[in-house]
N, C-alpha and C. Protein backbone atom coordinates (compact mmCIF):
# COMPACT_ATOMS: atom_id res chain seq x y z
N UNK A 1 57.54 49.79 -19.19
CA UNK A 1 56.45 50.03 -18.92
C UNK A 1 55.17 49.87 -18.99
N UNK A 2 54.04 49.76 -19.06
CA UNK A 2 52.55 48.54 -19.16
C UNK A 2 51.50 49.53 -20.19
N UNK A 3 51.22 48.13 -20.77
CA UNK A 3 50.77 49.43 -21.97
C UNK A 3 49.33 49.75 -22.06
N UNK A 4 48.81 48.95 -20.32
CA UNK A 4 47.34 48.69 -19.76
C UNK A 4 48.28 50.61 -18.65
N UNK A 5 46.85 50.89 -18.46
CA UNK A 5 46.42 51.52 -17.08
C UNK A 5 45.47 51.99 -17.10
N UNK A 6 45.43 52.36 -15.68
CA UNK A 6 44.28 52.23 -14.17
C UNK A 6 42.59 52.52 -15.39
N UNK A 7 41.57 51.89 -14.47
CA UNK A 7 40.41 52.19 -15.50
C UNK A 7 38.98 51.49 -14.55
N UNK A 8 38.46 51.91 -14.63
CA UNK A 8 37.11 51.23 -13.94
C UNK A 8 36.34 50.42 -14.86
N UNK A 9 36.09 49.56 -14.09
CA UNK A 9 35.62 47.59 -13.65
C UNK A 9 34.42 48.20 -15.15
N UNK A 10 34.05 49.46 -14.21
CA UNK A 10 32.38 49.76 -15.71
C UNK A 10 33.06 49.37 -17.21
N UNK A 11 34.14 50.07 -18.14
CA UNK A 11 34.15 50.46 -18.77
C UNK A 11 34.74 49.00 -19.36
N UNK A 12 35.26 48.44 -18.02
CA UNK A 12 36.47 47.19 -18.97
C UNK A 12 35.40 46.29 -19.23
N UNK A 13 34.50 46.04 -17.97
CA UNK A 13 33.05 45.22 -19.19
C UNK A 13 32.81 45.68 -19.75
N UNK A 14 31.88 47.13 -20.63
CA UNK A 14 31.72 47.55 -21.76
C UNK A 14 32.54 46.51 -22.71
N UNK A 15 33.91 47.13 -22.69
CA UNK A 15 34.65 46.76 -23.72
C UNK A 15 34.97 45.10 -23.78
N UNK A 16 34.80 44.41 -22.92
CA UNK A 16 34.57 43.02 -23.06
C UNK A 16 33.14 42.70 -24.02
N UNK A 17 32.22 43.01 -23.60
CA UNK A 17 30.79 42.77 -23.80
C UNK A 17 31.20 42.85 -25.48
N UNK A 18 31.60 44.84 -25.92
CA UNK A 18 31.61 45.30 -27.19
C UNK A 18 32.31 44.11 -27.92
N UNK A 19 33.77 43.46 -27.27
CA UNK A 19 34.30 42.08 -28.47
C UNK A 19 33.57 40.89 -28.33
N UNK A 20 32.16 41.18 -27.93
CA UNK A 20 31.87 39.46 -28.22
C UNK A 20 31.96 38.58 -26.81
N UNK A 21 31.97 39.16 -25.53
CA UNK A 21 31.44 38.87 -24.59
C UNK A 21 30.22 38.75 -24.12
N UNK A 22 30.01 37.74 -23.68
CA UNK A 22 28.10 38.09 -23.34
C UNK A 22 27.88 37.61 -21.81
N UNK A 23 27.27 38.32 -20.50
CA UNK A 23 26.93 37.95 -19.27
C UNK A 23 26.37 36.65 -19.11
N UNK A 24 27.32 35.20 -19.34
CA UNK A 24 25.82 33.43 -18.99
C UNK A 24 25.41 33.64 -17.30
N UNK A 25 25.65 34.43 -16.66
CA UNK A 25 24.93 34.67 -15.16
C UNK A 25 25.70 35.93 -14.27
N UNK A 26 24.74 36.03 -13.92
CA UNK A 26 25.22 36.36 -12.31
C UNK A 26 25.07 36.53 -11.41
N UNK A 27 25.70 36.39 -10.10
CA UNK A 27 25.45 36.00 -8.29
C UNK A 27 25.32 37.76 -8.20
N UNK A 28 24.03 37.39 -7.41
CA UNK A 28 23.74 37.99 -6.10
C UNK A 28 24.96 39.62 -5.97
N UNK A 29 25.98 38.92 -5.40
CA UNK A 29 27.36 40.03 -5.27
C UNK A 29 27.70 41.27 -6.92
N UNK A 30 29.07 40.97 -7.53
CA UNK A 30 29.65 41.36 -7.81
C UNK A 30 29.59 40.57 -9.46
N UNK A 31 30.05 39.03 -9.29
CA UNK A 31 30.48 38.35 -9.59
C UNK A 31 30.07 37.96 -10.88
N UNK A 32 29.56 37.74 -11.94
CA UNK A 32 29.77 37.74 -13.22
C UNK A 32 30.42 36.42 -14.37
N UNK A 33 29.22 35.29 -14.68
CA UNK A 33 30.12 35.07 -15.73
C UNK A 33 29.58 34.94 -17.10
N UNK A 34 30.90 35.37 -17.96
CA UNK A 34 31.06 35.90 -18.97
C UNK A 34 30.97 34.37 -20.00
N UNK A 35 30.74 35.01 -21.73
CA UNK A 35 31.13 33.52 -22.42
C UNK A 35 31.93 33.81 -23.90
N UNK A 36 31.88 33.70 -24.30
CA UNK A 36 32.09 33.51 -25.72
C UNK A 36 32.38 32.76 -26.42
N UNK A 37 32.64 31.88 -27.68
CA UNK A 37 32.51 31.27 -28.49
C UNK A 37 33.91 30.80 -28.92
N UNK A 38 34.15 29.43 -28.41
CA UNK A 38 35.65 29.73 -28.56
C UNK A 38 37.10 29.87 -27.29
N UNK A 39 36.31 30.14 -26.58
CA UNK A 39 37.38 30.66 -25.09
C UNK A 39 36.36 30.05 -23.82
N UNK A 40 36.41 30.21 -23.01
CA UNK A 40 36.24 29.51 -21.28
C UNK A 40 36.00 30.07 -20.83
N UNK A 41 34.73 30.13 -20.35
CA UNK A 41 34.20 31.26 -20.10
C UNK A 41 35.16 31.75 -18.81
N UNK A 42 34.82 33.64 -18.74
CA UNK A 42 35.01 33.96 -17.32
C UNK A 42 34.57 34.54 -16.45
N UNK A 43 34.71 34.55 -15.02
CA UNK A 43 34.78 35.14 -13.87
C UNK A 43 35.05 36.77 -13.55
N UNK A 44 34.27 37.90 -13.94
CA UNK A 44 34.80 39.13 -13.55
C UNK A 44 33.56 39.07 -12.63
N UNK A 45 34.22 39.79 -11.88
CA UNK A 45 34.39 39.91 -10.16
C UNK A 45 35.09 41.33 -9.62
N UNK A 46 34.06 42.34 -10.48
CA UNK A 46 34.33 43.60 -9.27
C UNK A 46 32.87 43.95 -9.54
N UNK A 47 33.09 45.80 -8.71
CA UNK A 47 32.32 46.14 -8.56
C UNK A 47 31.58 47.62 -9.51
N UNK A 48 30.78 48.30 -10.47
CA UNK A 48 31.44 48.95 -10.95
C UNK A 48 32.41 50.20 -10.80
N UNK A 49 32.32 50.57 -9.79
CA UNK A 49 33.07 51.57 -9.55
C UNK A 49 34.47 51.51 -9.38
N UNK A 50 34.68 50.33 -9.25
CA UNK A 50 35.78 49.76 -8.93
C UNK A 50 37.33 49.94 -10.15
N UNK A 51 38.38 50.09 -9.59
CA UNK A 51 39.32 51.06 -10.43
C UNK A 51 39.89 49.49 -10.60
N UNK A 52 39.88 49.06 -12.00
CA UNK A 52 41.17 47.92 -11.88
C UNK A 52 42.46 48.47 -12.18
N UNK A 53 44.03 47.74 -12.22
CA UNK A 53 45.15 48.07 -12.24
C UNK A 53 45.82 47.24 -13.22
N UNK A 54 46.87 48.25 -13.95
CA UNK A 54 47.36 47.93 -15.28
C UNK A 54 48.08 46.09 -15.39
N UNK A 55 48.29 45.08 -14.07
CA UNK A 55 49.26 44.21 -13.56
C UNK A 55 47.09 42.89 -14.08
N UNK A 56 46.08 43.44 -13.59
CA UNK A 56 44.85 42.66 -13.58
C UNK A 56 44.39 42.84 -15.25
N UNK A 57 44.56 43.85 -15.41
CA UNK A 57 43.69 44.53 -16.78
C UNK A 57 45.21 43.83 -17.86
N UNK A 58 46.31 43.76 -17.41
CA UNK A 58 46.74 42.30 -18.62
C UNK A 58 46.07 41.02 -17.77
N UNK A 59 46.16 40.52 -17.00
CA UNK A 59 45.34 39.22 -16.57
C UNK A 59 44.24 39.23 -17.10
N UNK A 60 42.94 39.73 -17.04
CA UNK A 60 42.33 39.72 -17.97
C UNK A 60 42.12 39.48 -18.80
N UNK A 61 43.36 40.68 -20.26
CA UNK A 61 43.17 40.51 -21.46
C UNK A 61 43.66 39.38 -21.91
N UNK A 62 44.89 37.81 -21.16
CA UNK A 62 45.43 37.16 -21.22
C UNK A 62 44.35 36.41 -21.15
N UNK A 63 42.64 36.31 -20.26
CA UNK A 63 42.60 35.19 -21.30
C UNK A 63 41.11 35.54 -21.26
N UNK A 64 41.00 36.71 -21.84
CA UNK A 64 39.74 36.92 -22.47
C UNK A 64 40.59 37.63 -23.89
N UNK A 65 41.50 37.57 -24.11
CA UNK A 65 41.58 38.59 -25.84
C UNK A 65 41.55 39.97 -25.74
N UNK A 66 41.11 41.05 -24.69
CA UNK A 66 40.58 42.15 -24.74
C UNK A 66 42.28 42.85 -24.79
N UNK A 67 42.54 43.68 -25.38
CA UNK A 67 43.13 44.79 -25.74
C UNK A 67 42.78 45.93 -25.13
N UNK A 68 44.20 46.76 -25.14
CA UNK A 68 44.51 48.18 -24.01
C UNK A 68 43.71 49.60 -25.56
N UNK A 69 43.44 48.88 -27.20
CA UNK A 69 42.91 50.08 -27.07
C UNK A 69 40.90 49.45 -27.26
N UNK A 70 40.60 48.84 -27.46
CA UNK A 70 39.40 48.68 -26.63
C UNK A 70 38.40 48.60 -25.64
N UNK A 71 39.71 49.48 -24.61
CA UNK A 71 38.89 50.14 -24.02
C UNK A 71 39.36 51.77 -23.73
C-alpha cells in the first residue's frame, strides 16, 4: 500500500510552497514553473481542482522532496 493518498492539486501546490518552493513563472494555462535553491526547477502542471493520485504524488515527491506529512 502506498504512503500517499489522492489529494487536490491545490493542496499539493500549497504544501510545495510551504516547504520552500516558489513560483518562478506561470503560463496562461495550468503550468507553473517552481524553483528552490539546490533543486532543479519543477513544472507543476495541474489545475487547482484536479485530483492527484498516489503514483503521481510519489513522482512529484522524488523531484521536489515533498513528504506525505507535508500535504
